[in-house]
Structures are given as C-alpha cells and as structure tokens.
Amino acid sequence: MDPESREPVISKNEAEFPPALDSLESFELILGGLFADAGQQNGSETILFVEDEAFVRRVAAEVLESAGYQVIVAACAAEALQACRDCPAPVDLLVADVVLPGMNGLKLAEQLEASHPRARILLMSGYPEQVALCEVSARNRKFLPKPFSIHSLLRTVRDALDQASPSVRAQA
C-alpha cells in the first residue's frame, strides 16, 4: 500500500482524512510515525514558509519543524520580506503560495533571490492555471500542487534543498 494513501492531506482549511483516520487527534498521533518513515528527509536548514491560509501555514510549519527544519512563517509577501530582514540566519528555502494578498509568490521569489542568492525556491498552488505559470518561470524552481500530503511536502522540500543553489548553478 502506498504510504501517501494512508496519511491526511493538508488542504485549505482542514486536514482531509483517509477512512482510517477520523480526527485531528488521529492526525497528530501519526505524525511521529510519518517522520520516522521519512527520516531521510529530515534537515536543519532555514525555511521561509509563506501561505495566507492560517490552517495550512500552522500545520505545514509544525510538520517541517518536527522534521528538524528551522521555520519562519508569514501570511503575505510583505511579512515574509520583513521576516527575512529580521532573521539572523540565511534563508535556505522559500516555500510560497503563488496566490498571496498583495505581492504574489512569483514576485516574492524574485525579491528573495535578489537578497538571498543562495536560497532555493519552492512554489505551491491549488489552482491548475498557476502550474503552467510556475513552469514558465521555473528557472530551476520546484513546484508543489495543493492540497499536499505530509510525505509529499517533506519529499519536495528535501528535493528543493538538495538542488545546487542558484549561485552555484550560475558559476557552472
């Protein structure tokens, strides 16, 4: 059985539970097992997670922190840019929704790349038309479709972090 078919999917305002799970408490109980199964995906890097939906932001941050990452959360691009200025550690990965209030995730990525050239970019969206937009502007960026499972979040974050940084690619 595919491990992703047993785990909750993180979506807009709730965790969508497979038949074997029926509550947020069940969801929290299986987190430990999922992290044990995904041990190779753990890390210690700094992630800036930008998402306007509070539930997705909270759960994803908890998942990433439980996997060992340092997570900075923001609800919009302006908040994310301020958090970058306030954070003493360099941002290793920006995980941003494409559709954000104010500045969109693509513009945020461009601004972050200017001030943090070694940062990797992972964009996410639940809108199919955004997938094509992200692919056109890919420039070695990763994309995560929403809703996403815990496993796919951890796997995609690790894949994005394991890419050569943009400044290293530019020198090659």
N, C-alpha and C. Protein backbone atom coordinates (compact mmCIF):
# COMPACT_ATOMS: atom_id res chain seq x y z
N MET A 1 0.84 -1.19 0.00
CA MET A 1 0.00 0.00 0.00
C MET A 1 0.88 1.24 0.00
N ASP A 2 0.57 2.20 -0.83
CA ASP A 2 1.30 3.44 -0.94
C ASP A 2 1.20 4.19 0.39
N PRO A 3 2.37 4.61 0.98
CA PRO A 3 2.31 5.30 2.28
C PRO A 3 1.52 6.59 2.23
N GLU A 4 1.47 7.26 1.08
CA GLU A 4 0.73 8.51 0.99
C GLU A 4 -0.77 8.31 1.03
N SER A 5 -1.25 7.11 0.69
CA SER A 5 -2.69 6.87 0.69
C SER A 5 -3.25 6.75 2.10
N ARG A 6 -2.39 6.57 3.11
CA ARG A 6 -2.84 6.41 4.49
C ARG A 6 -2.77 7.71 5.29
N GLU A 7 -2.14 8.72 4.76
CA GLU A 7 -1.94 9.92 5.56
C GLU A 7 -2.90 11.03 5.17
N PRO A 8 -3.16 11.96 6.09
CA PRO A 8 -4.03 13.09 5.81
C PRO A 8 -3.43 13.98 4.74
N VAL A 9 -4.27 14.68 4.04
CA VAL A 9 -3.85 15.65 3.05
C VAL A 9 -4.11 17.03 3.62
N ILE A 10 -3.12 17.90 3.55
CA ILE A 10 -3.25 19.25 4.07
C ILE A 10 -3.88 20.11 2.98
N SER A 11 -5.05 20.63 3.27
CA SER A 11 -5.75 21.46 2.29
C SER A 11 -6.15 22.78 2.93
N LYS A 12 -6.92 23.55 2.21
CA LYS A 12 -7.21 24.93 2.56
C LYS A 12 -7.53 25.18 4.03
N ASN A 13 -8.57 24.59 4.57
CA ASN A 13 -8.97 24.89 5.93
C ASN A 13 -9.06 23.68 6.83
N GLU A 14 -8.62 22.55 6.35
CA GLU A 14 -8.74 21.34 7.16
C GLU A 14 -7.80 20.28 6.66
N ALA A 15 -7.63 19.27 7.49
CA ALA A 15 -6.91 18.08 7.05
C ALA A 15 -7.96 17.11 6.54
N GLU A 16 -7.80 16.66 5.31
CA GLU A 16 -8.73 15.69 4.74
C GLU A 16 -8.21 14.31 5.13
N PHE A 17 -9.01 13.60 5.92
CA PHE A 17 -8.56 12.35 6.48
C PHE A 17 -8.96 11.15 5.64
N PRO A 18 -8.04 10.19 5.45
CA PRO A 18 -8.44 8.94 4.80
C PRO A 18 -9.38 8.18 5.72
N PRO A 19 -10.05 7.15 5.22
CA PRO A 19 -11.06 6.46 6.02
C PRO A 19 -10.57 5.96 7.38
N ALA A 20 -9.30 5.60 7.49
CA ALA A 20 -8.80 5.05 8.75
C ALA A 20 -8.65 6.12 9.83
N LEU A 21 -8.67 7.38 9.45
CA LEU A 21 -8.50 8.46 10.42
C LEU A 21 -9.76 9.30 10.46
N ASP A 22 -10.11 9.74 11.63
CA ASP A 22 -11.36 10.48 11.72
C ASP A 22 -11.27 11.77 12.51
N SER A 23 -10.06 12.18 12.90
CA SER A 23 -9.97 13.39 13.71
C SER A 23 -8.59 14.01 13.63
N LEU A 24 -8.50 15.24 14.10
CA LEU A 24 -7.21 15.91 14.18
C LEU A 24 -6.29 15.19 15.16
N GLU A 25 -6.88 14.60 16.21
CA GLU A 25 -6.06 13.86 17.18
C GLU A 25 -5.41 12.66 16.50
N SER A 26 -6.14 11.96 15.65
CA SER A 26 -5.56 10.84 14.90
C SER A 26 -4.44 11.34 14.01
N PHE A 27 -4.65 12.48 13.40
CA PHE A 27 -3.66 13.10 12.53
C PHE A 27 -2.38 13.37 13.31
N GLU A 28 -2.51 13.97 14.50
CA GLU A 28 -1.34 14.28 15.31
C GLU A 28 -0.64 13.02 15.79
N LEU A 29 -1.38 11.97 16.08
CA LEU A 29 -0.78 10.72 16.55
C LEU A 29 0.09 10.07 15.49
N ILE A 30 -0.30 10.18 14.23
CA ILE A 30 0.50 9.52 13.20
C ILE A 30 1.69 10.35 12.74
N LEU A 31 1.77 11.63 13.15
CA LEU A 31 2.90 12.46 12.72
C LEU A 31 4.24 11.82 13.07
N GLY A 32 4.37 11.34 14.29
CA GLY A 32 5.63 10.73 14.72
C GLY A 32 6.04 9.58 13.83
N GLY A 33 5.10 8.71 13.48
CA GLY A 33 5.40 7.59 12.60
C GLY A 33 5.78 8.03 11.21
N LEU A 34 5.14 9.06 10.72
CA LEU A 34 5.48 9.56 9.39
C LEU A 34 6.89 10.12 9.36
N PHE A 35 7.29 10.81 10.43
CA PHE A 35 8.63 11.35 10.46
C PHE A 35 9.66 10.24 10.57
N ALA A 36 9.34 9.18 11.31
CA ALA A 36 10.25 8.05 11.39
C ALA A 36 10.41 7.42 10.01
N ASP A 37 9.29 7.28 9.27
CA ASP A 37 9.35 6.72 7.92
C ASP A 37 10.09 7.63 6.96
N ALA A 38 10.08 8.92 7.21
CA ALA A 38 10.68 9.89 6.30
C ALA A 38 12.00 10.42 6.85
N GLY A 39 12.68 9.62 7.65
CA GLY A 39 13.92 10.06 8.29
C GLY A 39 14.94 10.63 7.35
N GLN A 40 15.02 10.09 6.14
CA GLN A 40 15.99 10.59 5.18
C GLN A 40 15.63 11.99 4.69
N GLN A 41 14.45 12.46 5.00
CA GLN A 41 14.02 13.77 4.55
C GLN A 41 14.23 14.85 5.61
N ASN A 42 14.74 14.47 6.76
CA ASN A 42 14.94 15.45 7.82
C ASN A 42 16.07 16.40 7.46
N GLY A 43 16.04 17.57 8.07
CA GLY A 43 17.08 18.55 7.80
C GLY A 43 17.20 19.54 8.92
N SER A 44 18.07 20.51 8.72
CA SER A 44 18.28 21.55 9.73
C SER A 44 18.28 22.94 9.09
N GLU A 45 17.97 23.02 7.82
CA GLU A 45 18.01 24.28 7.11
C GLU A 45 16.89 25.23 7.55
N THR A 46 17.04 26.50 7.15
CA THR A 46 16.04 27.51 7.46
C THR A 46 15.09 27.66 6.28
N ILE A 47 13.80 27.52 6.57
CA ILE A 47 12.76 27.60 5.55
C ILE A 47 11.85 28.78 5.87
N LEU A 48 11.60 29.60 4.85
CA LEU A 48 10.62 30.67 4.95
C LEU A 48 9.36 30.16 4.28
N PHE A 49 8.29 29.93 5.07
CA PHE A 49 7.05 29.35 4.58
C PHE A 49 5.99 30.45 4.53
N VAL A 50 5.52 30.77 3.32
CA VAL A 50 4.58 31.88 3.13
C VAL A 50 3.27 31.35 2.56
N GLU A 51 2.22 31.49 3.34
CA GLU A 51 0.90 30.95 2.99
C GLU A 51 -0.15 31.80 3.68
N ASP A 52 -1.17 32.22 2.93
CA ASP A 52 -2.19 33.08 3.54
C ASP A 52 -3.26 32.31 4.31
N GLU A 53 -3.40 31.02 4.09
CA GLU A 53 -4.37 30.21 4.84
C GLU A 53 -3.74 29.78 6.17
N ALA A 54 -4.30 30.25 7.27
CA ALA A 54 -3.73 30.02 8.60
C ALA A 54 -3.58 28.54 8.93
N PHE A 55 -4.58 27.72 8.59
CA PHE A 55 -4.50 26.30 8.93
C PHE A 55 -3.34 25.63 8.20
N VAL A 56 -3.22 25.86 6.91
CA VAL A 56 -2.14 25.26 6.12
C VAL A 56 -0.80 25.73 6.65
N ARG A 57 -0.69 27.01 6.93
CA ARG A 57 0.55 27.58 7.45
C ARG A 57 0.94 26.92 8.78
N ARG A 58 -0.02 26.78 9.67
CA ARG A 58 0.26 26.21 11.00
C ARG A 58 0.66 24.74 10.92
N VAL A 59 -0.11 23.96 10.17
CA VAL A 59 0.18 22.52 10.09
C VAL A 59 1.49 22.27 9.35
N ALA A 60 1.70 22.94 8.23
CA ALA A 60 2.94 22.74 7.47
C ALA A 60 4.15 23.15 8.30
N ALA A 61 4.06 24.25 9.03
CA ALA A 61 5.17 24.67 9.88
C ALA A 61 5.46 23.62 10.95
N GLU A 62 4.40 23.08 11.54
CA GLU A 62 4.58 22.04 12.57
C GLU A 62 5.25 20.79 11.99
N VAL A 63 4.81 20.41 10.80
CA VAL A 63 5.40 19.24 10.12
C VAL A 63 6.88 19.49 9.85
N LEU A 64 7.21 20.64 9.28
CA LEU A 64 8.59 20.95 8.93
C LEU A 64 9.47 21.08 10.18
N GLU A 65 8.97 21.72 11.23
CA GLU A 65 9.73 21.84 12.47
C GLU A 65 9.96 20.47 13.10
N SER A 66 8.95 19.61 13.04
CA SER A 66 9.10 18.26 13.60
C SER A 66 10.13 17.45 12.82
N ALA A 67 10.37 17.82 11.57
CA ALA A 67 11.39 17.15 10.75
C ALA A 67 12.77 17.78 10.94
N GLY A 68 12.87 18.77 11.83
CA GLY A 68 14.17 19.35 12.17
C GLY A 68 14.50 20.68 11.53
N TYR A 69 13.65 21.17 10.65
CA TYR A 69 13.92 22.44 9.97
C TYR A 69 13.63 23.62 10.89
N GLN A 70 14.33 24.73 10.65
CA GLN A 70 14.03 26.00 11.30
C GLN A 70 13.02 26.69 10.38
N VAL A 71 11.85 27.01 10.88
CA VAL A 71 10.78 27.53 10.02
C VAL A 71 10.39 28.94 10.45
N ILE A 72 10.38 29.83 9.46
CA ILE A 72 9.87 31.19 9.62
C ILE A 72 8.56 31.22 8.85
N VAL A 73 7.48 31.63 9.48
CA VAL A 73 6.19 31.66 8.79
C VAL A 73 5.74 33.09 8.54
N ALA A 74 5.04 33.25 7.43
CA ALA A 74 4.49 34.55 7.08
C ALA A 74 3.19 34.34 6.33
N ALA A 75 2.27 35.29 6.48
CA ALA A 75 0.96 35.19 5.83
C ALA A 75 0.90 35.94 4.50
N CYS A 76 1.89 36.77 4.23
CA CYS A 76 1.91 37.53 2.97
C CYS A 76 3.36 37.88 2.63
N ALA A 77 3.56 38.39 1.42
CA ALA A 77 4.91 38.70 0.95
C ALA A 77 5.58 39.78 1.79
N ALA A 78 4.83 40.82 2.14
CA ALA A 78 5.42 41.91 2.94
C ALA A 78 5.92 41.38 4.29
N GLU A 79 5.12 40.53 4.92
CA GLU A 79 5.51 39.92 6.20
C GLU A 79 6.74 39.02 6.01
N ALA A 80 6.80 38.32 4.89
CA ALA A 80 7.93 37.43 4.60
C ALA A 80 9.22 38.23 4.41
N LEU A 81 9.15 39.32 3.67
CA LEU A 81 10.33 40.15 3.44
C LEU A 81 10.83 40.77 4.73
N GLN A 82 9.91 41.19 5.59
CA GLN A 82 10.31 41.73 6.90
C GLN A 82 10.95 40.64 7.75
N ALA A 83 10.38 39.45 7.72
CA ALA A 83 10.95 38.33 8.49
C ALA A 83 12.36 38.01 8.01
N CYS A 84 12.61 38.11 6.71
CA CYS A 84 13.96 37.89 6.17
C CYS A 84 14.93 38.92 6.70
N ARG A 85 14.49 40.16 6.77
CA ARG A 85 15.36 41.22 7.29
C ARG A 85 15.66 41.02 8.77
N ASP A 86 14.69 40.48 9.50
CA ASP A 86 14.84 40.30 10.95
C ASP A 86 15.56 39.01 11.34
N CYS A 87 15.67 38.07 10.41
CA CYS A 87 16.23 36.75 10.72
C CYS A 87 17.76 36.78 10.58
N PRO A 88 18.47 36.36 11.63
CA PRO A 88 19.93 36.36 11.54
C PRO A 88 20.48 35.26 10.62
N ALA A 89 19.74 34.17 10.47
CA ALA A 89 20.20 33.06 9.63
C ALA A 89 19.81 33.30 8.18
N PRO A 90 20.64 32.85 7.24
CA PRO A 90 20.24 32.96 5.84
C PRO A 90 19.07 32.03 5.53
N VAL A 91 18.21 32.44 4.63
CA VAL A 91 17.08 31.60 4.22
C VAL A 91 17.60 30.60 3.18
N ASP A 92 17.42 29.31 3.47
CA ASP A 92 17.87 28.27 2.55
C ASP A 92 16.80 27.95 1.51
N LEU A 93 15.53 28.07 1.92
CA LEU A 93 14.43 27.72 1.02
C LEU A 93 13.22 28.61 1.28
N LEU A 94 12.68 29.15 0.20
CA LEU A 94 11.40 29.84 0.26
C LEU A 94 10.35 28.87 -0.23
N VAL A 95 9.34 28.62 0.60
CA VAL A 95 8.17 27.85 0.19
C VAL A 95 7.02 28.86 0.21
N ALA A 96 6.49 29.17 -0.98
CA ALA A 96 5.48 30.23 -1.05
C ALA A 96 4.33 29.84 -1.94
N ASP A 97 3.13 30.19 -1.49
CA ASP A 97 1.95 30.05 -2.32
C ASP A 97 2.08 31.07 -3.45
N VAL A 98 1.64 30.70 -4.64
CA VAL A 98 1.69 31.63 -5.77
C VAL A 98 0.69 32.75 -5.57
N VAL A 99 -0.50 32.41 -5.06
CA VAL A 99 -1.55 33.41 -4.87
C VAL A 99 -1.50 33.89 -3.42
N LEU A 100 -1.04 35.12 -3.25
CA LEU A 100 -0.93 35.74 -1.93
C LEU A 100 -1.56 37.13 -1.99
N PRO A 101 -2.02 37.64 -0.87
CA PRO A 101 -2.52 39.02 -0.87
C PRO A 101 -1.35 39.98 -1.10
N GLY A 102 -1.61 41.03 -1.85
CA GLY A 102 -0.55 41.99 -2.16
C GLY A 102 0.33 41.44 -3.27
N MET A 103 1.59 41.23 -2.99
CA MET A 103 2.54 40.70 -3.95
C MET A 103 2.39 39.18 -4.07
N ASN A 104 2.39 38.66 -5.31
CA ASN A 104 2.24 37.21 -5.47
C ASN A 104 3.55 36.48 -5.18
N GLY A 105 3.47 35.17 -5.08
CA GLY A 105 4.62 34.34 -4.74
C GLY A 105 5.75 34.40 -5.74
N LEU A 106 5.44 34.59 -7.02
CA LEU A 106 6.49 34.70 -8.04
C LEU A 106 7.32 35.96 -7.84
N LYS A 107 6.66 37.07 -7.59
CA LYS A 107 7.38 38.34 -7.34
C LYS A 107 8.17 38.25 -6.03
N LEU A 108 7.59 37.62 -5.02
CA LEU A 108 8.30 37.42 -3.76
C LEU A 108 9.57 36.61 -4.01
N ALA A 109 9.47 35.56 -4.80
CA ALA A 109 10.64 34.73 -5.11
C ALA A 109 11.74 35.56 -5.77
N GLU A 110 11.34 36.41 -6.71
CA GLU A 110 12.32 37.28 -7.39
C GLU A 110 13.02 38.20 -6.39
N GLN A 111 12.25 38.80 -5.49
CA GLN A 111 12.85 39.70 -4.50
C GLN A 111 13.75 38.95 -3.54
N LEU A 112 13.32 37.77 -3.12
CA LEU A 112 14.15 36.99 -2.20
C LEU A 112 15.45 36.55 -2.88
N GLU A 113 15.37 36.15 -4.14
CA GLU A 113 16.57 35.74 -4.87
C GLU A 113 17.58 36.88 -4.97
N ALA A 114 17.09 38.11 -5.07
CA ALA A 114 17.98 39.26 -5.15
C ALA A 114 18.75 39.48 -3.84
N SER A 115 18.08 39.27 -2.71
CA SER A 115 18.74 39.50 -1.42
C SER A 115 19.36 38.23 -0.81
N HIS A 116 18.90 37.06 -1.24
CA HIS A 116 19.42 35.77 -0.76
C HIS A 116 19.72 34.89 -1.97
N PRO A 117 20.81 35.16 -2.69
CA PRO A 117 21.07 34.46 -3.96
C PRO A 117 21.27 32.95 -3.82
N ARG A 118 21.57 32.46 -2.64
CA ARG A 118 21.76 31.02 -2.46
C ARG A 118 20.46 30.28 -2.11
N ALA A 119 19.39 31.04 -1.88
CA ALA A 119 18.11 30.43 -1.49
C ALA A 119 17.51 29.65 -2.66
N ARG A 120 16.91 28.52 -2.32
CA ARG A 120 16.15 27.76 -3.30
C ARG A 120 14.70 28.19 -3.20
N ILE A 121 13.93 27.88 -4.26
CA ILE A 121 12.54 28.32 -4.32
C ILE A 121 11.63 27.12 -4.56
N LEU A 122 10.57 27.03 -3.76
CA LEU A 122 9.52 26.03 -3.93
C LEU A 122 8.19 26.77 -3.92
N LEU A 123 7.52 26.78 -5.06
CA LEU A 123 6.23 27.45 -5.17
C LEU A 123 5.12 26.42 -5.07
N MET A 124 3.97 26.83 -4.54
CA MET A 124 2.84 25.92 -4.41
C MET A 124 1.56 26.65 -4.79
N SER A 125 0.60 25.87 -5.28
CA SER A 125 -0.70 26.43 -5.64
C SER A 125 -1.72 25.31 -5.78
N GLY A 126 -2.96 25.67 -5.52
CA GLY A 126 -4.07 24.76 -5.72
C GLY A 126 -4.83 25.06 -6.99
N TYR A 127 -4.38 26.05 -7.73
CA TYR A 127 -5.05 26.45 -8.97
C TYR A 127 -4.30 25.88 -10.16
N PRO A 128 -4.95 25.04 -10.98
CA PRO A 128 -4.26 24.41 -12.13
C PRO A 128 -3.60 25.41 -13.07
N GLU A 129 -4.21 26.57 -13.27
CA GLU A 129 -3.62 27.55 -14.19
C GLU A 129 -2.30 28.10 -13.65
N GLN A 130 -2.10 28.03 -12.33
CA GLN A 130 -0.85 28.51 -11.74
C GLN A 130 0.31 27.56 -12.02
N VAL A 131 0.00 26.27 -12.24
CA VAL A 131 1.05 25.29 -12.54
C VAL A 131 1.79 25.71 -13.79
N ALA A 132 1.06 26.04 -14.86
CA ALA A 132 1.68 26.45 -16.11
C ALA A 132 2.49 27.73 -15.91
N LEU A 133 1.96 28.69 -15.17
CA LEU A 133 2.66 29.93 -14.91
C LEU A 133 3.98 29.66 -14.19
N CYS A 134 3.95 28.76 -13.22
CA CYS A 134 5.16 28.44 -12.47
C CYS A 134 6.17 27.70 -13.34
N GLU A 135 5.69 26.83 -14.22
CA GLU A 135 6.60 26.10 -15.10
C GLU A 135 7.29 27.04 -16.07
N VAL A 136 6.56 28.04 -16.55
CA VAL A 136 7.14 29.01 -17.48
C VAL A 136 8.25 29.80 -16.80
N SER A 137 8.06 30.14 -15.54
CA SER A 137 9.06 30.93 -14.82
C SER A 137 9.95 30.06 -13.95
N ALA A 138 10.03 28.77 -14.26
CA ALA A 138 10.68 27.80 -13.38
C ALA A 138 12.11 28.16 -12.99
N ARG A 139 12.96 28.43 -13.91
CA ARG A 139 14.36 28.74 -13.61
C ARG A 139 14.88 27.88 -12.46
N ASN A 140 14.73 26.59 -12.59
CA ASN A 140 15.19 25.62 -11.59
C ASN A 140 14.45 25.71 -10.27
N ARG A 141 13.24 26.22 -10.29
CA ARG A 141 12.41 26.23 -9.09
C ARG A 141 11.60 24.95 -9.05
N LYS A 142 11.17 24.58 -7.86
CA LYS A 142 10.31 23.41 -7.68
C LYS A 142 8.87 23.89 -7.52
N PHE A 143 7.92 22.95 -7.74
CA PHE A 143 6.51 23.26 -7.59
C PHE A 143 5.84 22.15 -6.81
N LEU A 144 4.92 22.52 -5.89
CA LEU A 144 4.16 21.58 -5.08
C LEU A 144 2.68 21.89 -5.25
N PRO A 145 1.92 20.97 -5.89
CA PRO A 145 0.48 21.23 -6.04
C PRO A 145 -0.24 21.05 -4.71
N LYS A 146 -1.27 21.88 -4.49
CA LYS A 146 -2.10 21.78 -3.29
C LYS A 146 -3.44 21.17 -3.68
N PRO A 147 -4.05 20.40 -2.81
CA PRO A 147 -3.58 20.03 -1.47
C PRO A 147 -2.42 19.05 -1.58
N PHE A 148 -1.63 18.96 -0.50
CA PHE A 148 -0.48 18.06 -0.50
C PHE A 148 -0.47 17.23 0.78
N SER A 149 0.17 16.09 0.69
CA SER A 149 0.30 15.22 1.86
C SER A 149 1.56 15.61 2.64
N ILE A 150 1.66 15.15 3.84
CA ILE A 150 2.84 15.39 4.66
C ILE A 150 4.06 14.82 3.96
N HIS A 151 3.91 13.61 3.45
CA HIS A 151 5.03 12.94 2.77
C HIS A 151 5.49 13.75 1.56
N SER A 152 4.55 14.22 0.73
CA SER A 152 4.95 14.97 -0.46
C SER A 152 5.56 16.32 -0.08
N LEU A 153 5.08 16.95 0.99
CA LEU A 153 5.68 18.19 1.46
C LEU A 153 7.13 17.95 1.86
N LEU A 154 7.36 16.96 2.70
CA LEU A 154 8.72 16.68 3.17
C LEU A 154 9.64 16.27 2.03
N ARG A 155 9.15 15.44 1.13
CA ARG A 155 9.96 14.98 0.00
C ARG A 155 10.32 16.14 -0.94
N THR A 156 9.34 17.00 -1.25
CA THR A 156 9.57 18.09 -2.18
C THR A 156 10.49 19.15 -1.55
N VAL A 157 10.33 19.42 -0.26
CA VAL A 157 11.22 20.34 0.43
C VAL A 157 12.66 19.82 0.40
N ARG A 158 12.83 18.53 0.71
CA ARG A 158 14.18 17.95 0.70
C ARG A 158 14.78 17.99 -0.70
N ASP A 159 13.98 17.67 -1.72
CA ASP A 159 14.46 17.73 -3.11
C ASP A 159 14.89 19.15 -3.47
N ALA A 160 14.10 20.13 -3.09
CA ALA A 160 14.43 21.52 -3.40
C ALA A 160 15.73 21.94 -2.70
N LEU A 161 15.87 21.55 -1.45
CA LEU A 161 17.08 21.91 -0.70
C LEU A 161 18.32 21.20 -1.25
N ASP A 162 18.15 20.02 -1.79
CA ASP A 162 19.28 19.26 -2.30
C ASP A 162 19.73 19.71 -3.69
N GLN A 163 18.95 20.57 -4.34
CA GLN A 163 19.37 21.14 -5.62
C GLN A 163 20.60 22.01 -5.39
N ALA A 164 21.45 22.12 -6.41
CA ALA A 164 22.55 23.08 -6.33
C ALA A 164 21.94 24.46 -6.18
N SER A 165 22.53 25.28 -5.33
CA SER A 165 21.97 26.62 -5.13
C SER A 165 22.11 27.44 -6.40
N PRO A 166 21.23 28.43 -6.59
CA PRO A 166 21.27 29.24 -7.80
C PRO A 166 22.63 29.88 -8.06
N SER A 167 23.32 30.35 -7.03
CA SER A 167 24.60 31.00 -7.26
C SER A 167 25.66 29.99 -7.73
N VAL A 168 25.56 28.74 -7.26
CA VAL A 168 26.48 27.69 -7.71
C VAL A 168 26.18 27.35 -9.16
N ARG A 169 24.87 27.26 -9.52
CA ARG A 169 24.50 26.97 -10.91
C ARG A 169 24.97 28.06 -11.84
N ALA A 170 24.90 29.32 -11.41
CA ALA A 170 25.31 30.44 -12.26
C ALA A 170 26.81 30.39 -12.54
N GLN A 171 27.61 29.88 -11.61
CA GLN A 171 29.05 29.80 -11.79
C GLN A 171 29.45 28.64 -12.67
N ALA A 172 28.58 27.63 -12.78
CA ALA A 172 28.92 26.41 -13.54
C ALA A 172 28.90 26.65 -15.04
